[in-house]
Amino acid sequence: MSDFSYEYLPWRGVSADTFRFFKAKTKIDSTGKPVEIGFVYPNESVKVRTLDKKGFYTKGDIAKAGLYSRDRFSAGLTRL
């Protein structure tokens, strides 16, 4: 049985703070190697990107998930 931890880590030029804002956590194996990044949608579905080889899978009802991160901004926001 493997033990994993989850952290907000920088990756490909994206800061850990940005991952934290968007609630995208990196899954880390017991050796300290990042293995996946999970992107949480507004309905709590998760799209997971595997890091060892490029691939994706989902958890939850991703068909009803809507737009990723729409819950991170106020309605009617037109500029950052």
PDB file of N, CA and C in Angstrom:
ATOM      1  N   MET A   1       0.846  -1.179   0.000  1.00  0.00           N
ATOM      2  CA  MET A   1       0.000   0.000   0.000  1.00  0.00           C
ATOM      3  C   MET A   1       0.888   1.238   0.000  1.00  0.00           C
ATOM      4  N   SER A   2       0.629   2.161  -0.889  1.00  0.00           N
ATOM      5  CA  SER A   2       1.437   3.367  -1.004  1.00  0.00           C
ATOM      6  C   SER A   2       0.853   4.493  -0.149  1.00  0.00           C
ATOM      7  N   ASP A   3       1.747   5.291   0.388  1.00  0.00           N
ATOM      8  CA  ASP A   3       1.334   6.476   1.125  1.00  0.00           C
ATOM      9  C   ASP A   3       1.561   7.685   0.235  1.00  0.00           C
ATOM     10  N   PHE A   4       0.596   8.590   0.228  1.00  0.00           N
ATOM     11  CA  PHE A   4       0.693   9.792  -0.589  1.00  0.00           C
ATOM     12  C   PHE A   4       0.429  11.011   0.266  1.00  0.00           C
ATOM     13  N   SER A   5       1.006  12.127  -0.151  1.00  0.00           N
ATOM     14  CA  SER A   5       0.674  13.415   0.447  1.00  0.00           C
ATOM     15  C   SER A   5       0.224  14.324  -0.693  1.00  0.00           C
ATOM     16  N   TYR A   6      -0.407  15.418  -0.327  1.00  0.00           N
ATOM     17  CA  TYR A   6      -0.921  16.363  -1.315  1.00  0.00           C
ATOM     18  C   TYR A   6      -0.442  17.756  -0.943  1.00  0.00           C
ATOM     19  N   GLU A   7       0.120  18.467  -1.910  1.00  0.00           N
ATOM     20  CA  GLU A   7       0.668  19.795  -1.679  1.00  0.00           C
ATOM     21  C   GLU A   7       0.385  20.690  -2.877  1.00  0.00           C
ATOM     22  N   TYR A   8       0.480  21.990  -2.636  1.00  0.00           N
ATOM     23  CA  TYR A   8       0.443  22.961  -3.723  1.00  0.00           C
ATOM     24  C   TYR A   8       1.896  23.209  -4.134  1.00  0.00           C
ATOM     25  N   LEU A   9       2.276  22.718  -5.300  1.00  0.00           N
ATOM     26  CA  LEU A   9       3.656  22.843  -5.769  1.00  0.00           C
ATOM     27  C   LEU A   9       3.710  23.660  -7.057  1.00  0.00           C
ATOM     28  N   PRO A  10       4.792  24.427  -7.255  1.00  0.00           N
ATOM     29  CA  PRO A  10       4.957  25.107  -8.548  1.00  0.00           C
ATOM     30  C   PRO A  10       5.267  24.069  -9.625  1.00  0.00           C
ATOM     31  N   TRP A  11       4.830  24.339 -10.841  1.00  0.00           N
ATOM     32  CA  TRP A  11       5.063  23.407 -11.945  1.00  0.00           C
ATOM     33  C   TRP A  11       4.953  24.141 -13.264  1.00  0.00           C
ATOM     34  N   ARG A  12       5.904  23.959 -14.139  1.00  0.00           N
ATOM     35  CA  ARG A  12       5.932  24.534 -15.489  1.00  0.00           C
ATOM     36  C   ARG A  12       5.692  26.040 -15.493  1.00  0.00           C
ATOM     37  N   GLY A  13       6.334  26.743 -14.555  1.00  0.00           N
ATOM     38  CA  GLY A  13       6.237  28.201 -14.513  1.00  0.00           C
ATOM     39  C   GLY A  13       5.028  28.745 -13.774  1.00  0.00           C
ATOM     40  N   VAL A  14       4.186  27.869 -13.245  1.00  0.00           N
ATOM     41  CA  VAL A  14       3.020  28.293 -12.476  1.00  0.00           C
ATOM     42  C   VAL A  14       3.379  28.194 -10.995  1.00  0.00           C
ATOM     43  N   SER A  15       3.146  29.273 -10.258  1.00  0.00           N
ATOM     44  CA  SER A  15       3.554  29.310  -8.849  1.00  0.00           C
ATOM     45  C   SER A  15       2.653  28.455  -7.957  1.00  0.00           C
ATOM     46  N   ALA A  16       3.173  28.106  -6.803  1.00  0.00           N
ATOM     47  CA  ALA A  16       2.394  27.361  -5.809  1.00  0.00           C
ATOM     48  C   ALA A  16       1.182  28.183  -5.363  1.00  0.00           C
ATOM     49  N   ASP A  17       1.325  29.505  -5.265  1.00  0.00           N
ATOM     50  CA  ASP A  17       0.195  30.360  -4.874  1.00  0.00           C
ATOM     51  C   ASP A  17      -0.935  30.308  -5.899  1.00  0.00           C
ATOM     52  N   THR A  18      -0.585  30.232  -7.174  1.00  0.00           N
ATOM     53  CA  THR A  18      -1.614  30.111  -8.214  1.00  0.00           C
ATOM     54  C   THR A  18      -2.324  28.767  -8.101  1.00  0.00           C
ATOM     55  N   PHE A  19      -1.579  27.702  -7.885  1.00  0.00           N
ATOM     56  CA  PHE A  19      -2.204  26.390  -7.681  1.00  0.00           C
ATOM     57  C   PHE A  19      -3.111  26.421  -6.446  1.00  0.00           C
ATOM     58  N   ARG A  20      -2.694  27.094  -5.398  1.00  0.00           N
ATOM     59  CA  ARG A  20      -3.502  27.214  -4.178  1.00  0.00           C
ATOM     60  C   ARG A  20      -4.804  27.971  -4.473  1.00  0.00           C
ATOM     61  N   PHE A  21      -4.713  29.090  -5.209  1.00  0.00           N
ATOM     62  CA  PHE A  21      -5.900  29.878  -5.558  1.00  0.00           C
ATOM     63  C   PHE A  21      -6.919  29.031  -6.318  1.00  0.00           C
ATOM     64  N   PHE A  22      -6.431  28.207  -7.239  1.00  0.00           N
ATOM     65  CA  PHE A  22      -7.319  27.384  -8.058  1.00  0.00           C
ATOM     66  C   PHE A  22      -7.605  26.010  -7.446  1.00  0.00           C
ATOM     67  N   LYS A  23      -7.133  25.753  -6.234  1.00  0.00           N
ATOM     68  CA  LYS A  23      -7.346  24.491  -5.518  1.00  0.00           C
ATOM     69  C   LYS A  23      -6.867  23.283  -6.327  1.00  0.00           C
ATOM     70  N   ALA A  24      -5.710  23.401  -6.929  1.00  0.00           N
ATOM     71  CA  ALA A  24      -5.129  22.308  -7.720  1.00  0.00           C
ATOM     72  C   ALA A  24      -3.945  21.736  -6.943  1.00  0.00           C
ATOM     73  N   LYS A  25      -4.136  20.557  -6.366  1.00  0.00           N
ATOM     74  CA  LYS A  25      -3.095  19.947  -5.533  1.00  0.00           C
ATOM     75  C   LYS A  25      -2.322  18.883  -6.296  1.00  0.00           C
ATOM     76  N   THR A  26      -1.046  18.778  -5.932  1.00  0.00           N
ATOM     77  CA  THR A  26      -0.176  17.763  -6.501  1.00  0.00           C
ATOM     78  C   THR A  26      -0.106  16.574  -5.547  1.00  0.00           C
ATOM     79  N   LYS A  27      -0.293  15.385  -6.099  1.00  0.00           N
ATOM     80  CA  LYS A  27      -0.170  14.141  -5.334  1.00  0.00           C
ATOM     81  C   LYS A  27       1.288  13.717  -5.379  1.00  0.00           C
ATOM     82  N   ILE A  28       1.858  13.448  -4.193  1.00  0.00           N
ATOM     83  CA  ILE A  28       3.264  13.102  -4.075  1.00  0.00           C
ATOM     84  C   ILE A  28       3.391  11.722  -3.455  1.00  0.00           C
ATOM     85  N   ASP A  29       4.199  10.862  -4.073  1.00  0.00           N
ATOM     86  CA  ASP A  29       4.355   9.502  -3.550  1.00  0.00           C
ATOM     87  C   ASP A  29       5.295   9.480  -2.343  1.00  0.00           C
ATOM     88  N   SER A  30       5.479   8.311  -1.766  1.00  0.00           N
ATOM     89  CA  SER A  30       6.265   8.174  -0.532  1.00  0.00           C
ATOM     90  C   SER A  30       7.745   8.494  -0.717  1.00  0.00           C
ATOM     91  N   THR A  31       8.222   8.547  -1.966  1.00  0.00           N
ATOM     92  CA  THR A  31       9.624   8.900  -2.216  1.00  0.00           C
ATOM     93  C   THR A  31       9.806  10.398  -2.448  1.00  0.00           C
ATOM     94  N   GLY A  32       8.711  11.157  -2.456  1.00  0.00           N
ATOM     95  CA  GLY A  32       8.778  12.598  -2.680  1.00  0.00           C
ATOM     96  C   GLY A  32       8.598  13.013  -4.123  1.00  0.00           C
ATOM     97  N   LYS A  33       8.260  12.053  -4.985  1.00  0.00           N
ATOM     98  CA  LYS A  33       8.089  12.342  -6.411  1.00  0.00           C
ATOM     99  C   LYS A  33       6.646  12.762  -6.702  1.00  0.00           C
ATOM    100  N   PRO A  34       6.440  13.929  -7.355  1.00  0.00           N
ATOM    101  CA  PRO A  34       5.088  14.317  -7.782  1.00  0.00           C
ATOM    102  C   PRO A  34       4.592  13.348  -8.855  1.00  0.00           C
ATOM    103  N   VAL A  35       3.351  12.854  -8.704  1.00  0.00           N
ATOM    104  CA  VAL A  35       2.829  11.876  -9.661  1.00  0.00           C
ATOM    105  C   VAL A  35       1.578  12.342 -10.396  1.00  0.00           C
ATOM    106  N   GLU A  36       0.779  13.230  -9.788  1.00  0.00           N
ATOM    107  CA  GLU A  36      -0.465  13.696 -10.405  1.00  0.00           C
ATOM    108  C   GLU A  36      -0.799  15.093  -9.894  1.00  0.00           C
ATOM    109  N   ILE A  37      -1.592  15.820 -10.691  1.00  0.00           N
ATOM    110  CA  ILE A  37      -2.163  17.089 -10.244  1.00  0.00           C
ATOM    111  C   ILE A  37      -3.669  16.986 -10.411  1.00  0.00           C
ATOM    112  N   GLY A  38      -4.418  17.299  -9.361  1.00  0.00           N
ATOM    113  CA  GLY A  38      -5.876  17.251  -9.395  1.00  0.00           C
ATOM    114  C   GLY A  38      -6.471  18.643  -9.473  1.00  0.00           C
ATOM    115  N   PHE A  39      -7.332  18.874 -10.466  1.00  0.00           N
ATOM    116  CA  PHE A  39      -7.998  20.150 -10.677  1.00  0.00           C
ATOM    117  C   PHE A  39      -9.459  19.999 -10.275  1.00  0.00           C
ATOM    118  N   VAL A  40      -9.866  20.681  -9.212  1.00  0.00           N
ATOM    119  CA  VAL A  40     -11.206  20.532  -8.650  1.00  0.00           C
ATOM    120  C   VAL A  40     -12.169  21.500  -9.345  1.00  0.00           C
ATOM    121  N   TYR A  41     -13.278  20.963  -9.842  1.00  0.00           N
ATOM    122  CA  TYR A  41     -14.320  21.752 -10.502  1.00  0.00           C
ATOM    123  C   TYR A  41     -15.355  22.212  -9.485  1.00  0.00           C
ATOM    124  N   PRO A  42     -16.201  23.186  -9.847  1.00  0.00           N
ATOM    125  CA  PRO A  42     -17.184  23.722  -8.897  1.00  0.00           C
ATOM    126  C   PRO A  42     -18.112  22.670  -8.269  1.00  0.00           C
ATOM    127  N   ASN A  43     -18.416  21.588  -8.966  1.00  0.00           N
ATOM    128  CA  ASN A  43     -19.293  20.549  -8.406  1.00  0.00           C
ATOM    129  C   ASN A  43     -18.506  19.472  -7.657  1.00  0.00           C
ATOM    130  N   GLU A  44     -17.237  19.744  -7.372  1.00  0.00           N
ATOM    131  CA  GLU A  44     -16.330  18.840  -6.655  1.00  0.00           C
ATOM    132  C   GLU A  44     -15.831  17.663  -7.494  1.00  0.00           C
ATOM    133  N   SER A  45     -16.140  17.629  -8.783  1.00  0.00           N
ATOM    134  CA  SER A  45     -15.509  16.653  -9.676  1.00  0.00           C
ATOM    135  C   SER A  45     -14.039  17.043  -9.807  1.00  0.00           C
ATOM    136  N   VAL A  46     -13.209  16.071 -10.151  1.00  0.00           N
ATOM    137  CA  VAL A  46     -11.771  16.338 -10.260  1.00  0.00           C
ATOM    138  C   VAL A  46     -11.257  15.796 -11.589  1.00  0.00           C
ATOM    139  N   LYS A  47     -10.506  16.627 -12.297  1.00  0.00           N
ATOM    140  CA  LYS A  47      -9.781  16.168 -13.476  1.00  0.00           C
ATOM    141  C   LYS A  47      -8.337  15.998 -13.038  1.00  0.00           C
ATOM    142  N   VAL A  48      -7.796  14.821 -13.244  1.00  0.00           N
ATOM    143  CA  VAL A  48      -6.454  14.492 -12.762  1.00  0.00           C
ATOM    144  C   VAL A  48      -5.511  14.350 -13.952  1.00  0.00           C
ATOM    145  N   ARG A  49      -4.390  15.068 -13.882  1.00  0.00           N
ATOM    146  CA  ARG A  49      -3.356  14.954 -14.905  1.00  0.00           C
ATOM    147  C   ARG A  49      -2.219  14.124 -14.326  1.00  0.00           C
ATOM    148  N   THR A  50      -1.886  13.048 -15.006  1.00  0.00           N
ATOM    149  CA  THR A  50      -0.765  12.218 -14.575  1.00  0.00           C
ATOM    150  C   THR A  50       0.527  12.850 -15.078  1.00  0.00           C
ATOM    151  N   LEU A  51       1.581  12.769 -14.267  1.00  0.00           N
ATOM    152  CA  LEU A  51       2.834  13.434 -14.611  1.00  0.00           C
ATOM    153  C   LEU A  51       3.892  12.510 -15.179  1.00  0.00           C
ATOM    154  N   ASP A  52       3.834  11.220 -14.880  1.00  0.00           N
ATOM    155  CA  ASP A  52       4.862  10.310 -15.387  1.00  0.00           C
ATOM    156  C   ASP A  52       4.780  10.179 -16.900  1.00  0.00           C
ATOM    157  N   LYS A  53       3.601  10.078 -17.433  1.00  0.00           N
ATOM    158  CA  LYS A  53       3.376  10.182 -18.875  1.00  0.00           C
ATOM    159  C   LYS A  53       2.074  10.945 -19.028  1.00  0.00           C
ATOM    160  N   LYS A  54       2.011  11.785 -20.026  1.00  0.00           N
ATOM    161  CA  LYS A  54       0.861  12.670 -20.169  1.00  0.00           C
ATOM    162  C   LYS A  54      -0.421  11.861 -20.323  1.00  0.00           C
ATOM    163  N   GLY A  55      -1.333  12.092 -19.400  1.00  0.00           N
ATOM    164  CA  GLY A  55      -2.617  11.428 -19.439  1.00  0.00           C
ATOM    165  C   GLY A  55      -3.566  12.114 -18.480  1.00  0.00           C
ATOM    166  N   PHE A  56      -4.845  11.849 -18.655  1.00  0.00           N
ATOM    167  CA  PHE A  56      -5.868  12.438 -17.811  1.00  0.00           C
ATOM    168  C   PHE A  56      -6.902  11.389 -17.447  1.00  0.00           C
ATOM    169  N   TYR A  57      -7.504  11.540 -16.273  1.00  0.00           N
ATOM    170  CA  TYR A  57      -8.695  10.781 -15.908  1.00  0.00           C
ATOM    171  C   TYR A  57      -9.521  11.659 -14.977  1.00  0.00           C
ATOM    172  N   THR A  58     -10.762  11.290 -14.761  1.00  0.00           N
ATOM    173  CA  THR A  58     -11.647  12.124 -13.942  1.00  0.00           C
ATOM    174  C   THR A  58     -12.242  11.325 -12.794  1.00  0.00           C
ATOM    175  N   LYS A  59     -12.671  12.057 -11.780  1.00  0.00           N
ATOM    176  CA  LYS A  59     -13.394  11.497 -10.642  1.00  0.00           C
ATOM    177  C   LYS A  59     -14.648  12.339 -10.468  1.00  0.00           C
ATOM    178  N   GLY A  60     -15.764  11.700 -10.259  1.00  0.00           N
ATOM    179  CA  GLY A  60     -17.016  12.438 -10.095  1.00  0.00           C
ATOM    180  C   GLY A  60     -17.716  12.664 -11.421  1.00  0.00           C
ATOM    181  N   ASP A  61     -18.788  13.440 -11.382  1.00  0.00           N
ATOM    182  CA  ASP A  61     -19.617  13.690 -12.566  1.00  0.00           C
ATOM    183  C   ASP A  61     -19.074  14.878 -13.354  1.00  0.00           C
ATOM    184  N   ILE A  62     -18.017  14.643 -14.094  1.00  0.00           N
ATOM    185  CA  ILE A  62     -17.350  15.702 -14.843  1.00  0.00           C
ATOM    186  C   ILE A  62     -18.242  16.255 -15.955  1.00  0.00           C
ATOM    187  N   ALA A  63     -19.205  15.468 -16.437  1.00  0.00           N
ATOM    188  CA  ALA A  63     -20.112  15.937 -17.495  1.00  0.00           C
ATOM    189  C   ALA A  63     -20.974  17.099 -17.019  1.00  0.00           C
ATOM    190  N   LYS A  64     -21.204  17.191 -15.721  1.00  0.00           N
ATOM    191  CA  LYS A  64     -22.015  18.271 -15.161  1.00  0.00           C
ATOM    192  C   LYS A  64     -21.154  19.274 -14.385  1.00  0.00           C
ATOM    193  N   ALA A  65     -19.856  19.236 -14.603  1.00  0.00           N
ATOM    194  CA  ALA A  65     -18.933  20.064 -13.821  1.00  0.00           C
ATOM    195  C   ALA A  65     -18.972  21.540 -14.189  1.00  0.00           C
ATOM    196  N   GLY A  66     -19.271  21.851 -15.438  1.00  0.00           N
ATOM    197  CA  GLY A  66     -19.249  23.245 -15.860  1.00  0.00           C
ATOM    198  C   GLY A  66     -17.836  23.729 -16.136  1.00  0.00           C
ATOM    199  N   LEU A  67     -17.676  25.024 -16.129  1.00  0.00           N
ATOM    200  CA  LEU A  67     -16.410  25.656 -16.459  1.00  0.00           C
ATOM    201  C   LEU A  67     -15.449  25.587 -15.277  1.00  0.00           C
ATOM    202  N   TYR A  68     -14.254  25.099 -15.525  1.00  0.00           N
ATOM    203  CA  TYR A  68     -13.251  25.009 -14.464  1.00  0.00           C
ATOM    204  C   TYR A  68     -12.971  26.390 -13.884  1.00  0.00           C
ATOM    205  N   SER A  69     -12.955  26.508 -12.577  1.00  0.00           N
ATOM    206  CA  SER A  69     -12.608  27.681 -11.770  1.00  0.00           C
ATOM    207  C   SER A  69     -13.630  28.814 -11.813  1.00  0.00           C
ATOM    208  N   ARG A  70     -14.807  28.604 -12.378  1.00  0.00           N
ATOM    209  CA  ARG A  70     -15.794  29.684 -12.407  1.00  0.00           C
ATOM    210  C   ARG A  70     -16.195  30.121 -10.999  1.00  0.00           C
ATOM    211  N   ASP A  71     -16.062  29.238 -10.029  1.00  0.00           N
ATOM    212  CA  ASP A  71     -16.396  29.565  -8.646  1.00  0.00           C
ATOM    213  C   ASP A  71     -15.313  30.400  -7.964  1.00  0.00           C
ATOM    214  N   ARG A  72     -14.187  30.612  -8.613  1.00  0.00           N
ATOM    215  CA  ARG A  72     -13.077  31.377  -8.030  1.00  0.00           C
ATOM    216  C   ARG A  72     -13.210  32.879  -8.279  1.00  0.00           C
ATOM    217  N   PHE A  73     -14.187  33.288  -9.093  1.00  0.00           N
ATOM    218  CA  PHE A  73     -14.358  34.698  -9.448  1.00  0.00           C
ATOM    219  C   PHE A  73     -15.803  35.122  -9.202  1.00  0.00           C
ATOM    220  N   SER A  74     -15.999  36.419  -8.888  1.00  0.00           N
ATOM    221  CA  SER A  74     -17.359  36.906  -8.664  1.00  0.00           C
ATOM    222  C   SER A  74     -18.114  37.043  -9.984  1.00  0.00           C
ATOM    223  N   ALA A  75     -19.424  36.905  -9.889  1.00  0.00           N
ATOM    224  CA  ALA A  75     -20.281  37.021 -11.072  1.00  0.00           C
ATOM    225  C   ALA A  75     -20.166  38.430 -11.648  1.00  0.00           C
ATOM    226  N   GLY A  76     -20.089  38.514 -12.959  1.00  0.00           N
ATOM    227  CA  GLY A  76     -20.026  39.790 -13.626  1.00  0.00           C
ATOM    228  C   GLY A  76     -18.633  40.408 -13.708  1.00  0.00           C
ATOM    229  N   LEU A  77     -17.638  39.736 -13.200  1.00  0.00           N
ATOM    230  CA  LEU A  77     -16.273  40.244 -13.243  1.00  0.00           C
ATOM    231  C   LEU A  77     -15.804  40.295 -14.695  1.00  0.00           C
ATOM    232  N   THR A  78     -15.362  41.451 -15.139  1.00  0.00           N
ATOM    233  CA  THR A  78     -14.907  41.580 -16.524  1.00  0.00           C
ATOM    234  C   THR A  78     -13.405  41.794 -16.637  1.00  0.00           C
ATOM    235  N   ARG A  79     -12.754  42.232 -15.554  1.00  0.00           N
ATOM    236  CA  ARG A  79     -11.308  42.462 -15.581  1.00  0.00           C
ATOM    237  C   ARG A  79     -10.685  41.989 -14.288  1.00  0.00           C
ATOM    238  N   LEU A  80      -9.459  41.529 -14.372  1.00  0.00           N
ATOM    239  CA  LEU A  80      -8.704  41.163 -13.176  1.00  0.00           C
ATOM    240  C   LEU A  80      -7.931  42.335 -12.658  1.00  0.00           C
TER     241      LEU A  80
END
